[in-house]
C-alpha atoms as a PDB file:
ATOM      1  CA  MET A   1     115.043 122.975  35.360  1.00  0.00           C
ATOM      2  CA  LEU A   2     112.134 121.255  37.164  1.00  0.00           C
ATOM      3  CA  ASP A   3     108.727 122.635  36.204  1.00  0.00           C
ATOM      4  CA  TYR A   4     106.009 122.995  38.701  1.00  0.00           C
ATOM      5  CA  GLN A   5     104.094 119.855  37.465  1.00  0.00           C
ATOM      6  CA  THR A   6     107.034 117.724  38.034  1.00  0.00           C
ATOM      7  CA  ILE A   7     107.710 119.341  41.509  1.00  0.00           C
ATOM      8  CA  TRP A   8     103.974 118.629  42.475  1.00  0.00           C
ATOM      9  CA  PHE A   9     104.044 115.105  41.059  1.00  0.00           C
ATOM     10  CA  VAL A  10     107.049 114.331  43.436  1.00  0.00           C
ATOM     11  CA  LEU A  11     105.356 116.019  46.399  1.00  0.00           C
ATOM     12  CA  TRP A  12     102.123 114.080  45.362  1.00  0.00           C
ATOM     13  CA  GLY A  13     104.005 110.857  45.724  1.00  0.00           C
ATOM     14  CA  VAL A  14     105.716 111.733  48.911  1.00  0.00           C
ATOM     15  CA  LEU A  15     102.453 113.044  50.722  1.00  0.00           C
ATOM     16  CA  TRP A  16     100.933 109.500  49.922  1.00  0.00           C
ATOM     17  CA  ALA A  17     104.180 107.707  50.934  1.00  0.00           C
ATOM     18  CA  VAL A  18     104.216 109.629  54.241  1.00  0.00           C
ATOM     19  CA  TYR A  19     100.570 108.809  54.918  1.00  0.00           C
ATOM     20  CA  PHE A  20     101.209 105.212  54.442  1.00  0.00           C
ATOM     21  CA  MET A  21     104.294 105.422  56.605  1.00  0.00           C
ATOM     22  CA  THR A  22     102.497 107.005  59.412  1.00  0.00           C
ATOM     23  CA  ASP A  23      99.063 105.439  59.227  1.00  0.00           C
ATOM     24  CA  GLY A  24     100.608 102.251  58.197  1.00  0.00           C
ATOM     25  CA  PHE A  25     101.656 101.211  61.872  1.00  0.00           C
ATOM     26  CA  ASP A  26      98.229 101.832  63.338  1.00  0.00           C
ATOM     27  CA  LEU A  27      96.472 100.018  60.550  1.00  0.00           C
ATOM     28  CA  GLY A  28      98.938  97.208  61.135  1.00  0.00           C
ATOM     29  CA  ILE A  29      98.212  97.164  64.800  1.00  0.00           C
ATOM     30  CA  GLY A  30      94.570  97.211  64.141  1.00  0.00           C
ATOM     31  CA  ILE A  31      95.008  94.045  61.958  1.00  0.00           C
ATOM     32  CA  LEU A  32      97.001  92.384  64.737  1.00  0.00           C
ATOM     33  CA  TYR A  33      94.547  93.506  67.230  1.00  0.00           C
ATOM     34  CA  PRO A  34      92.527  90.155  67.635  1.00  0.00           C
ATOM     35  CA  PHE A  35      95.583  87.948  67.179  1.00  0.00           C
ATOM     36  CA  LEU A  36      98.444  89.308  69.313  1.00  0.00           C
ATOM     37  CA  SER A  37      96.348  90.318  72.311  1.00  0.00           C
ATOM     38  CA  LYS A  38      95.554  87.763  75.080  1.00  0.00           C
ATOM     39  CA  ASP A  39      93.041  89.712  77.163  1.00  0.00           C
ATOM     40  CA  ASP A  40      91.078  92.808  77.329  1.00  0.00           C
ATOM     41  CA  GLN A  41      93.931  94.702  79.097  1.00  0.00           C
ATOM     42  CA  GLU A  42      96.369  93.877  76.215  1.00  0.00           C
ATOM     43  CA  LYS A  43      93.794  95.067  73.820  1.00  0.00           C
ATOM     44  CA  ARG A  44      93.510  98.389  75.463  1.00  0.00           C
ATOM     45  CA  MET A  45      97.298  98.604  75.645  1.00  0.00           C
ATOM     46  CA  MET A  46      97.325  98.089  71.911  1.00  0.00           C
ATOM     47  CA  ILE A  47      94.714 100.930  71.402  1.00  0.00           C
ATOM     48  CA  ASN A  48      96.444 103.193  73.760  1.00  0.00           C
ATOM     49  CA  SER A  49      99.853 102.695  72.132  1.00  0.00           C
ATOM     50  CA  ILE A  50      98.444 104.509  69.038  1.00  0.00           C
ATOM     51  CA  GLY A  51      95.609 106.407  70.836  1.00  0.00           C
ATOM     52  CA  PRO A  52      97.492 109.883  70.871  1.00  0.00           C
ATOM     53  CA  VAL A  53      98.669 109.761  67.159  1.00  0.00           C
ATOM     54  CA  TRP A  54      96.313 107.617  65.013  1.00  0.00           C
ATOM     55  CA  ASP A  55      94.020 110.594  64.062  1.00  0.00           C
ATOM     56  CA  GLY A  56      97.010 112.841  63.512  1.00  0.00           C
ATOM     57  CA  ASN A  57      98.420 110.328  61.115  1.00  0.00           C
ATOM     58  CA  GLU A  58      95.247 110.548  59.090  1.00  0.00           C
ATOM     59  CA  VAL A  59      95.899 114.186  58.495  1.00  0.00           C
ATOM     60  CA  TRP A  60      98.381 112.965  55.912  1.00  0.00           C
ATOM     61  CA  LEU A  61      95.580 111.266  53.945  1.00  0.00           C
ATOM     62  CA  VAL A  62      93.576 114.532  53.886  1.00  0.00           C
ATOM     63  CA  THR A  63      96.724 116.380  52.814  1.00  0.00           C
ATOM     64  CA  ALA A  64      97.385 113.835  49.990  1.00  0.00           C
ATOM     65  CA  GLY A  65      93.805 113.908  48.765  1.00  0.00           C
ATOM     66  CA  GLY A  66      93.828 117.629  48.990  1.00  0.00           C
ATOM     67  CA  ALA A  67      97.130 117.925  47.086  1.00  0.00           C
ATOM     68  CA  THR A  68      95.650 115.631  44.313  1.00  0.00           C
ATOM     69  CA  PHE A  69      92.603 117.810  44.109  1.00  0.00           C
ATOM     70  CA  ALA A  70      94.454 121.177  43.963  1.00  0.00           C
ATOM     71  CA  ALA A  71      97.493 120.198  41.811  1.00  0.00           C
ATOM     72  CA  PHE A  72      95.817 117.607  39.463  1.00  0.00           C
ATOM     73  CA  PRO A  73      92.203 118.288  39.461  1.00  0.00           C
ATOM     74  CA  VAL A  74      91.377 116.237  36.380  1.00  0.00           C
ATOM     75  CA  ALA A  75      93.231 113.324  37.821  1.00  0.00           C
ATOM     76  CA  TYR A  76      91.385 113.677  41.044  1.00  0.00           C
ATOM     77  CA  ALA A  77      87.976 113.791  39.346  1.00  0.00           C
ATOM     78  CA  LEU A  78      88.820 110.707  37.417  1.00  0.00           C
ATOM     79  CA  ILE A  79      90.268 108.700  40.133  1.00  0.00           C
ATOM     80  CA  PHE A  80      87.455 109.263  42.483  1.00  0.00           C
ATOM     81  CA  SER A  81      85.040 108.573  39.739  1.00  0.00           C
ATOM     82  CA  TYR A  82      86.665 105.404  38.375  1.00  0.00           C
ATOM     83  CA  LEU A  83      87.564 103.974  41.855  1.00  0.00           C
ATOM     84  CA  TYR A  84      84.605 105.519  43.594  1.00  0.00           C
ATOM     85  CA  THR A  85      83.266 102.165  45.121  1.00  0.00           C
ATOM     86  CA  PRO A  86      86.657 100.835  46.742  1.00  0.00           C
ATOM     87  CA  LEU A  87      87.432 104.429  47.933  1.00  0.00           C
ATOM     88  CA  LEU A  88      83.960 104.740  49.488  1.00  0.00           C
ATOM     89  CA  ILE A  89      84.529 101.493  51.243  1.00  0.00           C
ATOM     90  CA  ILE A  90      87.894 102.710  52.578  1.00  0.00           C
ATOM     91  CA  LEU A  91      86.145 105.853  53.858  1.00  0.00           C
ATOM     92  CA  PHE A  92      83.449 104.032  55.756  1.00  0.00           C
ATOM     93  CA  ALA A  93      86.097 101.452  57.011  1.00  0.00           C
ATOM     94  CA  LEU A  94      88.346 104.366  58.469  1.00  0.00           C
ATOM     95  CA  ILE A  95      85.068 105.882  59.980  1.00  0.00           C
ATOM     96  CA  PHE A  96      84.014 102.913  61.822  1.00  0.00           C
ATOM     97  CA  ARG A  97      87.554 102.295  63.035  1.00  0.00           C
ATOM     98  CA  GLY A  98      87.737 105.718  64.597  1.00  0.00           C
ATOM     99  CA  VAL A  99      84.390 105.387  66.033  1.00  0.00           C
ATOM    100  CA  ALA A 100      85.357 102.129  67.437  1.00  0.00           C
ATOM    101  CA  PHE A 101      88.505 103.567  69.263  1.00  0.00           C
ATOM    102  CA  GLU A 102      86.245 106.078  71.145  1.00  0.00           C
ATOM    103  CA  PHE A 103      83.248 103.943  71.759  1.00  0.00           C
ATOM    104  CA  ARG A 104      84.759 100.649  72.712  1.00  0.00           C
ATOM    105  CA  ALA A 105      85.380 101.540  76.494  1.00  0.00           C
ATOM    106  CA  LYS A 106      82.006 103.328  76.836  1.00  0.00           C
ATOM    107  CA  GLY A 107      80.151  99.965  77.325  1.00  0.00           C
ATOM    108  CA  ALA A 108      80.661  97.363  79.916  1.00  0.00           C
ATOM    109  CA  SER A 109      79.229  94.311  78.190  1.00  0.00           C
ATOM    110  CA  ASP A 110      81.391  91.772  76.361  1.00  0.00           C
ATOM    111  CA  ALA A 111      79.133  91.888  73.368  1.00  0.00           C
ATOM    112  CA  TRP A 112      79.644  95.829  73.099  1.00  0.00           C
ATOM    113  CA  ARG A 113      83.255  95.400  73.146  1.00  0.00           C
ATOM    114  CA  GLN A 114      83.562  92.347  70.827  1.00  0.00           C
ATOM    115  CA  GLY A 115      81.504  94.251  68.219  1.00  0.00           C
ATOM    116  CA  TRP A 116      83.841  97.306  68.293  1.00  0.00           C
ATOM    117  CA  ASP A 117      86.713  94.923  68.144  1.00  0.00           C
ATOM    118  CA  LEU A 118      85.443  93.692  64.821  1.00  0.00           C
ATOM    119  CA  ALA A 119      85.095  97.190  63.724  1.00  0.00           C
ATOM    120  CA  ILE A 120      88.843  97.963  64.615  1.00  0.00           C
ATOM    121  CA  PHE A 121      90.090  94.781  62.850  1.00  0.00           C
ATOM    122  CA  PHE A 122      87.953  95.235  59.571  1.00  0.00           C
ATOM    123  CA  GLY A 123      88.379  99.057  59.630  1.00  0.00           C
ATOM    124  CA  SER A 124      92.190  98.508  59.481  1.00  0.00           C
ATOM    125  CA  LEU A 125      92.340  95.439  57.195  1.00  0.00           C
ATOM    126  CA  ILE A 126      90.042  96.800  54.345  1.00  0.00           C
ATOM    127  CA  PRO A 127      91.744 100.158  53.931  1.00  0.00           C
ATOM    128  CA  ALA A 128      95.188  98.361  53.954  1.00  0.00           C
ATOM    129  CA  LEU A 129      94.119  96.015  51.307  1.00  0.00           C
ATOM    130  CA  LEU A 130      92.120  98.377  49.207  1.00  0.00           C
ATOM    131  CA  PHE A 131      94.633 101.119  49.155  1.00  0.00           C
ATOM    132  CA  GLY A 132      97.019  98.471  47.783  1.00  0.00           C
ATOM    133  CA  VAL A 133      94.637  97.313  45.355  1.00  0.00           C
ATOM    134  CA  ALA A 134      93.903 100.768  44.036  1.00  0.00           C
ATOM    135  CA  PHE A 135      97.613 101.726  43.707  1.00  0.00           C
ATOM    136  CA  GLY A 136      98.363  98.308  41.993  1.00  0.00           C
ATOM    137  CA  ASN A 137      95.681  99.172  39.447  1.00  0.00           C
ATOM    138  CA  ILE A 138      96.895 102.620  38.771  1.00  0.00           C
ATOM    139  CA  PHE A 139     100.416 101.246  38.490  1.00  0.00           C
ATOM    140  CA  GLN A 140      99.261  98.667  35.727  1.00  0.00           C
ATOM    141  CA  GLY A 141      96.899 100.991  34.149  1.00  0.00           C
ATOM    142  CA  LEU A 142      93.041 101.277  33.962  1.00  0.00           C
ATOM    143  CA  PRO A 143      90.730 100.353  31.236  1.00  0.00           C
ATOM    144  CA  MET A 144      89.771 103.867  30.009  1.00  0.00           C
ATOM    145  CA  ASP A 145      89.615 105.956  26.896  1.00  0.00           C
ATOM    146  CA  ASN A 146      88.191 109.194  25.881  1.00  0.00           C
ATOM    147  CA  LEU A 147      84.715 108.018  26.475  1.00  0.00           C
ATOM    148  CA  GLY A 148      85.297 106.885  30.162  1.00  0.00           C
ATOM    149  CA  TYR A 149      86.202 103.804  32.214  1.00  0.00           C
ATOM    150  CA  TYR A 150      85.233 100.238  31.394  1.00  0.00           C
ATOM    151  CA  GLY A 151      86.204  98.520  34.480  1.00  0.00           C
ATOM    152  CA  SER A 152      84.272  97.276  37.600  1.00  0.00           C
ATOM    153  CA  LEU A 153      84.949  96.439  41.290  1.00  0.00           C
ATOM    154  CA  LEU A 154      85.723  92.948  40.575  1.00  0.00           C
ATOM    155  CA  GLY A 155      87.910  93.830  37.688  1.00  0.00           C
ATOM    156  CA  LEU A 156      90.084  95.739  40.081  1.00  0.00           C
ATOM    157  CA  LEU A 157      90.581  92.536  42.028  1.00  0.00           C
ATOM    158  CA  ASN A 158      92.985  91.114  39.391  1.00  0.00           C
ATOM    159  CA  LEU A 159      96.294  89.218  40.221  1.00  0.00           C
ATOM    160  CA  TYR A 160      98.542  92.294  40.279  1.00  0.00           C
ATOM    161  CA  GLY A 161      96.058  94.359  42.265  1.00  0.00           C
ATOM    162  CA  LEU A 162      95.745  91.673  44.764  1.00  0.00           C
ATOM    163  CA  VAL A 163      99.530  91.159  45.143  1.00  0.00           C
ATOM    164  CA  THR A 164      99.919  94.848  45.813  1.00  0.00           C
ATOM    165  CA  GLY A 165      97.137  94.642  48.260  1.00  0.00           C
ATOM    166  CA  LEU A 166      98.805  91.907  49.993  1.00  0.00           C
ATOM    167  CA  LEU A 167     102.089  93.723  49.950  1.00  0.00           C
ATOM    168  CA  PHE A 168     100.445  96.741  51.714  1.00  0.00           C
ATOM    169  CA  VAL A 169      98.728  94.513  54.349  1.00  0.00           C
ATOM    170  CA  VAL A 170     101.970  92.640  55.166  1.00  0.00           C
ATOM    171  CA  MET A 171     104.045  96.029  55.205  1.00  0.00           C
ATOM    172  CA  PHE A 172     101.670  97.550  57.761  1.00  0.00           C
ATOM    173  CA  VAL A 173     101.428  94.451  59.802  1.00  0.00           C
ATOM    174  CA  CYS A 174     105.369  94.315  60.039  1.00  0.00           C
ATOM    175  CA  HIS A 175     105.258  98.018  60.676  1.00  0.00           C
ATOM    176  CA  GLY A 176     102.711  97.745  63.443  1.00  0.00           C
ATOM    177  CA  SER A 177     104.489  94.967  65.305  1.00  0.00           C
ATOM    178  CA  LEU A 178     107.711  96.966  65.361  1.00  0.00           C
ATOM    179  CA  TYR A 179     105.713  99.963  66.761  1.00  0.00           C
ATOM    180  CA  LEU A 180     104.213  97.720  69.430  1.00  0.00           C
ATOM    181  CA  ALA A 181     107.644  96.274  70.351  1.00  0.00           C
ATOM    182  CA  ILE A 182     108.699  99.812  71.016  1.00  0.00           C
ATOM    183  CA  ARG A 183     105.545 101.213  72.524  1.00  0.00           C
ATOM    184  CA  THR A 184     104.324  98.502  74.664  1.00  0.00           C
ATOM    185  CA  GLY A 185     105.823  96.662  77.704  1.00  0.00           C
ATOM    186  CA  ASP A 186     105.104  93.391  79.481  1.00  0.00           C
ATOM    187  CA  ASP A 187     104.360  90.169  77.701  1.00  0.00           C
ATOM    188  CA  LEU A 188     102.574  92.022  74.880  1.00  0.00           C
ATOM    189  CA  GLY A 189     105.721  93.997  74.002  1.00  0.00           C
ATOM    190  CA  ARG A 190     107.858  90.715  74.001  1.00  0.00           C
ATOM    191  CA  ARG A 191     105.307  88.919  71.922  1.00  0.00           C
ATOM    192  CA  ALA A 192     105.394  91.857  69.314  1.00  0.00           C
ATOM    193  CA  GLU A 193     109.074  91.592  69.186  1.00  0.00           C
ATOM    194  CA  ARG A 194     109.002  87.963  68.278  1.00  0.00           C
ATOM    195  CA  PHE A 195     106.170  88.439  65.788  1.00  0.00           C
ATOM    196  CA  ALA A 196     108.020  91.220  64.006  1.00  0.00           C
ATOM    197  CA  VAL A 197     110.772  89.032  62.756  1.00  0.00           C
ATOM    198  CA  LYS A 198     108.231  86.462  61.493  1.00  0.00           C
ATOM    199  CA  ALA A 199     106.216  89.287  59.784  1.00  0.00           C
ATOM    200  CA  TRP A 200     109.497  90.444  58.098  1.00  0.00           C
ATOM    201  CA  VAL A 201     110.210  86.977  56.729  1.00  0.00           C
ATOM    202  CA  VAL A 202     106.698  86.920  55.160  1.00  0.00           C
ATOM    203  CA  LEU A 203     107.189  90.745  54.034  1.00  0.00           C
ATOM    204  CA  VAL A 204     110.432  89.703  52.059  1.00  0.00           C
ATOM    205  CA  LEU A 205     108.801  87.024  50.313  1.00  0.00           C
ATOM    206  CA  VAL A 206     105.765  89.146  49.325  1.00  0.00           C
ATOM    207  CA  ALA A 207     107.876  92.005  48.287  1.00  0.00           C
ATOM    208  CA  ALA A 208     109.936  89.722  45.936  1.00  0.00           C
ATOM    209  CA  LEU A 209     106.576  88.562  44.467  1.00  0.00           C
ATOM    210  CA  PHE A 210     105.467  92.126  44.039  1.00  0.00           C
ATOM    211  CA  PHE A 211     108.725  93.243  42.253  1.00  0.00           C
ATOM    212  CA  VAL A 212     108.766  90.142  39.874  1.00  0.00           C
ATOM    213  CA  ASN A 213     105.029  90.767  39.079  1.00  0.00           C
ATOM    214  CA  THR A 214     105.639  94.388  38.439  1.00  0.00           C
ATOM    215  CA  ALA A 215     108.054  93.550  35.573  1.00  0.00           C
ATOM    216  CA  PHE A 216     105.308  91.591  33.762  1.00  0.00           C
ATOM    217  CA  ALA A 217     102.156  93.515  34.740  1.00  0.00           C
ATOM    218  CA  THR A 218     103.338  97.102  34.332  1.00  0.00           C
ATOM    219  CA  ASN A 219     105.865  99.385  32.582  1.00  0.00           C
ATOM    220  CA  LEU A 220     107.049 100.914  35.659  1.00  0.00           C
ATOM    221  CA  TYR A 221     110.647  99.724  35.273  1.00  0.00           C
ATOM    222  CA  ALA A 222     110.928 101.570  31.795  1.00  0.00           C
ATOM    223  CA  ASN A 223     111.633 104.731  33.582  1.00  0.00           C
ATOM    224  CA  TYR A 224     114.541 103.193  35.621  1.00  0.00           C
ATOM    225  CA  LEU A 225     116.105 101.762  32.471  1.00  0.00           C
ATOM    226  CA  LYS A 226     116.134 105.357  30.878  1.00  0.00           C
ATOM    227  CA  ASN A 227     117.248 106.946  34.152  1.00  0.00           C
ATOM    228  CA  VAL A 228     119.850 104.681  35.717  1.00  0.00           C
ATOM    229  CA  ILE A 229     120.306 107.019  38.700  1.00  0.00           C
ATOM    230  CA  TRP A 230     116.517 106.501  39.611  1.00  0.00           C
ATOM    231  CA  LEU A 231     117.465 102.912  40.493  1.00  0.00           C
ATOM    232  CA  ALA A 232     118.659 104.337  43.896  1.00  0.00           C
ATOM    233  CA  ILE A 233     115.046 104.383  44.908  1.00  0.00           C
ATOM    234  CA  PRO A 234     114.144 100.592  44.548  1.00  0.00           C
ATOM    235  CA  ALA A 235     117.782  99.764  45.705  1.00  0.00           C
ATOM    236  CA  LEU A 236     117.060 101.771  48.979  1.00  0.00           C
ATOM    237  CA  ALA A 237     113.869 100.026  49.282  1.00  0.00           C
ATOM    238  CA  VAL A 238     115.700  96.681  49.267  1.00  0.00           C
ATOM    239  CA  VAL A 239     118.424  97.725  51.519  1.00  0.00           C
ATOM    240  CA  SER A 240     115.971  99.084  54.072  1.00  0.00           C
ATOM    241  CA  LEU A 241     113.914  95.968  53.899  1.00  0.00           C
ATOM    242  CA  MET A 242     116.960  93.837  54.713  1.00  0.00           C
ATOM    243  CA  GLY A 243     117.785  96.374  57.348  1.00  0.00           C
ATOM    244  CA  ILE A 244     114.394  95.539  59.199  1.00  0.00           C
ATOM    245  CA  GLY A 245     115.392  91.947  59.722  1.00  0.00           C
ATOM    246  CA  VAL A 246     119.054  92.662  60.644  1.00  0.00           C
ATOM    247  CA  PHE A 247     118.094  95.153  63.435  1.00  0.00           C
ATOM    248  CA  ALA A 248     115.102  93.148  64.647  1.00  0.00           C
ATOM    249  CA  MET A 249     117.007  90.050  65.086  1.00  0.00           C
ATOM    250  CA  LYS A 250     119.637  92.147  66.968  1.00  0.00           C
ATOM    251  CA  ASN A 251     116.892  93.522  69.206  1.00  0.00           C
ATOM    252  CA  HIS A 252     117.340  97.028  67.955  1.00  0.00           C
ATOM    253  CA  TYR A 253     113.516  97.709  67.351  1.00  0.00           C
ATOM    254  CA  GLN A 254     113.880 101.488  67.133  1.00  0.00           C
ATOM    255  CA  ARG A 255     116.347 101.053  64.193  1.00  0.00           C
ATOM    256  CA  ALA A 256     114.170  98.350  62.787  1.00  0.00           C
ATOM    257  CA  PHE A 257     111.192 100.763  62.807  1.00  0.00           C
ATOM    258  CA  VAL A 258     113.035 103.576  61.116  1.00  0.00           C
ATOM    259  CA  ALA A 259     114.054 100.999  58.404  1.00  0.00           C
ATOM    260  CA  SER A 260     110.488  99.947  58.018  1.00  0.00           C
ATOM    261  CA  CYS A 261     109.492 103.639  57.593  1.00  0.00           C
ATOM    262  CA  ILE A 262     112.145 104.139  54.826  1.00  0.00           C
ATOM    263  CA  THR A 263     110.980 100.894  53.113  1.00  0.00           C
ATOM    264  CA  ILE A 264     107.341 101.923  52.956  1.00  0.00           C
ATOM    265  CA  VAL A 265     108.370 105.340  51.586  1.00  0.00           C
ATOM    266  CA  MET A 266     110.747 103.867  48.991  1.00  0.00           C
ATOM    267  CA  VAL A 267     108.287 101.104  47.965  1.00  0.00           C
ATOM    268  CA  VAL A 268     105.610 103.794  47.227  1.00  0.00           C
ATOM    269  CA  MET A 269     108.044 106.254  45.532  1.00  0.00           C
ATOM    270  CA  THR A 270     109.298 103.206  43.362  1.00  0.00           C
ATOM    271  CA  GLY A 271     105.892 102.847  41.939  1.00  0.00           C
ATOM    272  CA  VAL A 272     105.180 106.707  41.640  1.00  0.00           C
ATOM    273  CA  MET A 273     108.358 107.336  39.811  1.00  0.00           C
ATOM    274  CA  GLY A 274     107.767 104.509  37.598  1.00  0.00           C
ATOM    275  CA  LEU A 275     104.612 106.238  36.508  1.00  0.00           C
ATOM    276  CA  TYR A 276     106.275 109.586  35.621  1.00  0.00           C
ATOM    277  CA  PRO A 277     104.968 111.646  33.795  1.00  0.00           C
ATOM    278  CA  GLN A 278     101.657 109.703  33.831  1.00  0.00           C
ATOM    279  CA  LEU A 279      99.270 109.999  36.716  1.00  0.00           C
ATOM    280  CA  LEU A 280      96.596 107.602  35.515  1.00  0.00           C
ATOM    281  CA  PRO A 281      97.828 105.316  32.725  1.00  0.00           C
ATOM    282  CA  SER A 282      95.304 103.843  30.257  1.00  0.00           C
ATOM    283  CA  LYS A 283      95.554 100.044  29.582  1.00  0.00           C
ATOM    284  CA  ILE A 284      93.579 100.574  26.271  1.00  0.00           C
ATOM    285  CA  ASP A 285      95.927 103.278  24.577  1.00  0.00           C
ATOM    286  CA  PRO A 286      98.603 105.487  26.093  1.00  0.00           C
ATOM    287  CA  ARG A 287      96.898 108.392  24.232  1.00  0.00           C
ATOM    288  CA  TYR A 288      94.122 108.323  26.690  1.00  0.00           C
ATOM    289  CA  SER A 289      96.350 108.392  29.810  1.00  0.00           C
ATOM    290  CA  LEU A 290      96.385 111.342  32.139  1.00  0.00           C
ATOM    291  CA  THR A 291      99.727 113.060  32.602  1.00  0.00           C
ATOM    292  CA  ILE A 292     101.122 115.583  34.870  1.00  0.00           C
ATOM    293  CA  TYR A 293     100.665 118.028  32.147  1.00  0.00           C
ATOM    294  CA  ASN A 294      97.181 117.395  30.708  1.00  0.00           C
ATOM    295  CA  ALA A 295      95.628 116.893  34.323  1.00  0.00           C
ATOM    296  CA  SER A 296      97.216 119.669  36.183  1.00  0.00           C
ATOM    297  CA  SER A 297      96.157 123.124  37.495  1.00  0.00           C
ATOM    298  CA  SER A 298      97.826 126.232  36.015  1.00  0.00           C
ATOM    299  CA  PRO A 299     101.404 127.066  36.672  1.00  0.00           C
ATOM    300  CA  TYR A 300     100.328 130.082  38.613  1.00  0.00           C
ATOM    301  CA  THR A 301      98.108 127.858  40.965  1.00  0.00           C
ATOM    302  CA  LEU A 302     101.020 125.373  41.367  1.00  0.00           C
ATOM    303  CA  LYS A 303     103.369 128.235  42.206  1.00  0.00           C
ATOM    304  CA  ILE A 304     101.169 129.532  45.009  1.00  0.00           C
ATOM    305  CA  MET A 305     100.641 125.958  46.258  1.00  0.00           C
ATOM    306  CA  THR A 306     104.348 125.513  46.507  1.00  0.00           C
ATOM    307  CA  VAL A 307     104.842 128.647  48.593  1.00  0.00           C
ATOM    308  CA  VAL A 308     101.959 127.564  50.863  1.00  0.00           C
ATOM    309  CA  ALA A 309     103.423 123.857  51.192  1.00  0.00           C
ATOM    310  CA  LEU A 310     106.934 125.296  52.029  1.00  0.00           C
ATOM    311  CA  VAL A 311     105.418 127.247  54.963  1.00  0.00           C
ATOM    312  CA  PHE A 312     102.844 124.761  56.396  1.00  0.00           C
ATOM    313  CA  VAL A 313     103.982 121.296  55.725  1.00  0.00           C
ATOM    314  CA  PRO A 314     107.109 121.729  57.921  1.00  0.00           C
ATOM    315  CA  MET A 315     104.890 123.026  60.717  1.00  0.00           C
ATOM    316  CA  VAL A 316     102.695 119.956  60.588  1.00  0.00           C
ATOM    317  CA  MET A 317     105.811 117.644  60.648  1.00  0.00           C
ATOM    318  CA  ALA A 318     107.176 119.574  63.565  1.00  0.00           C
ATOM    319  CA  TYR A 319     103.958 119.242  65.484  1.00  0.00           C
ATOM    320  CA  GLN A 320     103.676 115.587  64.712  1.00  0.00           C
ATOM    321  CA  LEU A 321     107.195 114.930  65.720  1.00  0.00           C
ATOM    322  CA  TRP A 322     106.494 116.653  68.978  1.00  0.00           C
ATOM    323  CA  VAL A 323     103.371 114.534  69.691  1.00  0.00           C
ATOM    324  CA  TYR A 324     105.462 111.384  69.090  1.00  0.00           C
ATOM    325  CA  TRP A 325     108.117 112.601  71.457  1.00  0.00           C
ATOM    326  CA  VAL A 326     105.719 113.507  74.255  1.00  0.00           C
ATOM    327  CA  PHE A 327     104.068 110.027  74.065  1.00  0.00           C
ATOM    328  CA  ARG A 328     107.242 108.089  73.649  1.00  0.00           C
ATOM    329  CA  ARG A 329     107.077 106.117  76.883  1.00  0.00           C
ATOM    330  CA  PRO A 330     105.882 102.512  76.475  1.00  0.00           C
ATOM    331  CA  VAL A 331     102.260 101.676  77.462  1.00  0.00           C
ATOM    332  CA  THR A 332     102.082  99.199  80.424  1.00  0.00           C
ATOM    333  CA  LYS A 333      99.142  97.358  82.055  1.00  0.00           C
ATOM    334  CA  GLU A 334      99.330  99.765  84.796  1.00  0.00           C
ATOM    335  CA  ASP A 335      98.508 102.680  82.569  1.00  0.00           C
ATOM    336  CA  VAL A 336      95.209 101.199  81.559  1.00  0.00           C
ATOM    337  CA  LEU A 337      93.999  99.533  84.799  1.00  0.00           C
ATOM    338  CA  GLY A 338      91.533 101.929  86.572  1.00  0.00           C
ATOM    339  CA  ASN A 339      92.345 104.699  84.211  1.00  0.00           C
ATOM    340  CA  LYS A 340      89.026 106.055  82.827  1.00  0.00           C
ATOM    341  CA  ASP A 341      90.820 108.419  80.457  1.00  0.00           C
ATOM    342  CA  ALA A 342      92.486 105.474  78.639  1.00  0.00           C
ATOM    343  CA  TYR A 343      90.837 103.947  75.674  1.00  0.00           C
END
C-alpha cells in the first residue's frame, strides 16, 4: 500500500511536469520571439497567441513550489538555500517577462519596444535554461553533507547540468513552435510549421545526448533496473518524442502538440522517478541525502493536503482547459491591427 510520502512524491513530480508542459510553450515562444517574427505585427501576434494563458500557466509554478514547501519542508528549505542564486535569477527573469508583455504596447517609440523585446527573450531563455540546470544538478546529486552545501553558481554549470539545461531549452522551443503553428495564421503560422520540424530534429539529438549522459553522470537508471515496469515512463517519452516528428511531417500539428506535451511530462517524470525515494541526493555520501521520509511533513498534514488537492486541483485544471477552449481560434494580423486591447 502506498504511503502518503510516496503519494506526494509522485504528485510533486507531476506538478513540476505539468508546469513545464504548460509554461514550456510560452517560454519557447519567448525564445523564438526575435527570430521567427519578421515585423512588429508578427511580434504582437506571437505575444497575443499566449496572452490569455501565460499567467495562468505560471499558477502551476506556484502550485509546485507550494507543494514542495507543504509536503517536504526540509527539502524546500535546502533547495531554496543551496540553489538560491539561480532560483532568484529565474524569479527576476519571469517578473521582467511578465512586465514586458504588459508594457511593450504602452509606448510608441522603437527603442521602448526593442527594450521590452529583449526582456521577453531573456525572460524566457534564462528560466528555461536555469530550470534545466537546476534539475540536472538535482538528478546527479549536490555536494552537501551534514554541515551544508559546498557548491557555487559556477559549479552548477557542469557538463550534465548544461546538457539538461539545453534539453529544456530545445524542448520548449519545439513545444512553442508547435503551439504557434496551431494558434497563428498567415505567414507566421506557416513559418512556425516549418520550424517545428527542424526543432524536432535538434530535440531528438539533444534528448539522445541527455539520456546517454544520464547513464554516466547519475544513478537514475538504477530504479528502472530494479522495477522493470517503470521503464514504461522513459519508453513513453521516446515514443511520444518520435510522434512529434511523425505528426508534424504529416501536418497534424494539434496531434504533434499533444505528443510534445506527453514528451515533456514523461521526460521530467523519468528523472523524478529515477530519484525515488530521494528528493535531494548528496554527491558526497548517500547518508546525507534528503529522502521523502526524512524531509516530509507529518502523515496527518499529508493526509489533509491529499484531500485538499483532490478537491481543488481538478477545479484549476477544468478552468484552465476552459480558457484554452475559449481562446482556441488562431490569431491573425487583423486581430492586432488597430486593436488597442491587444498586447
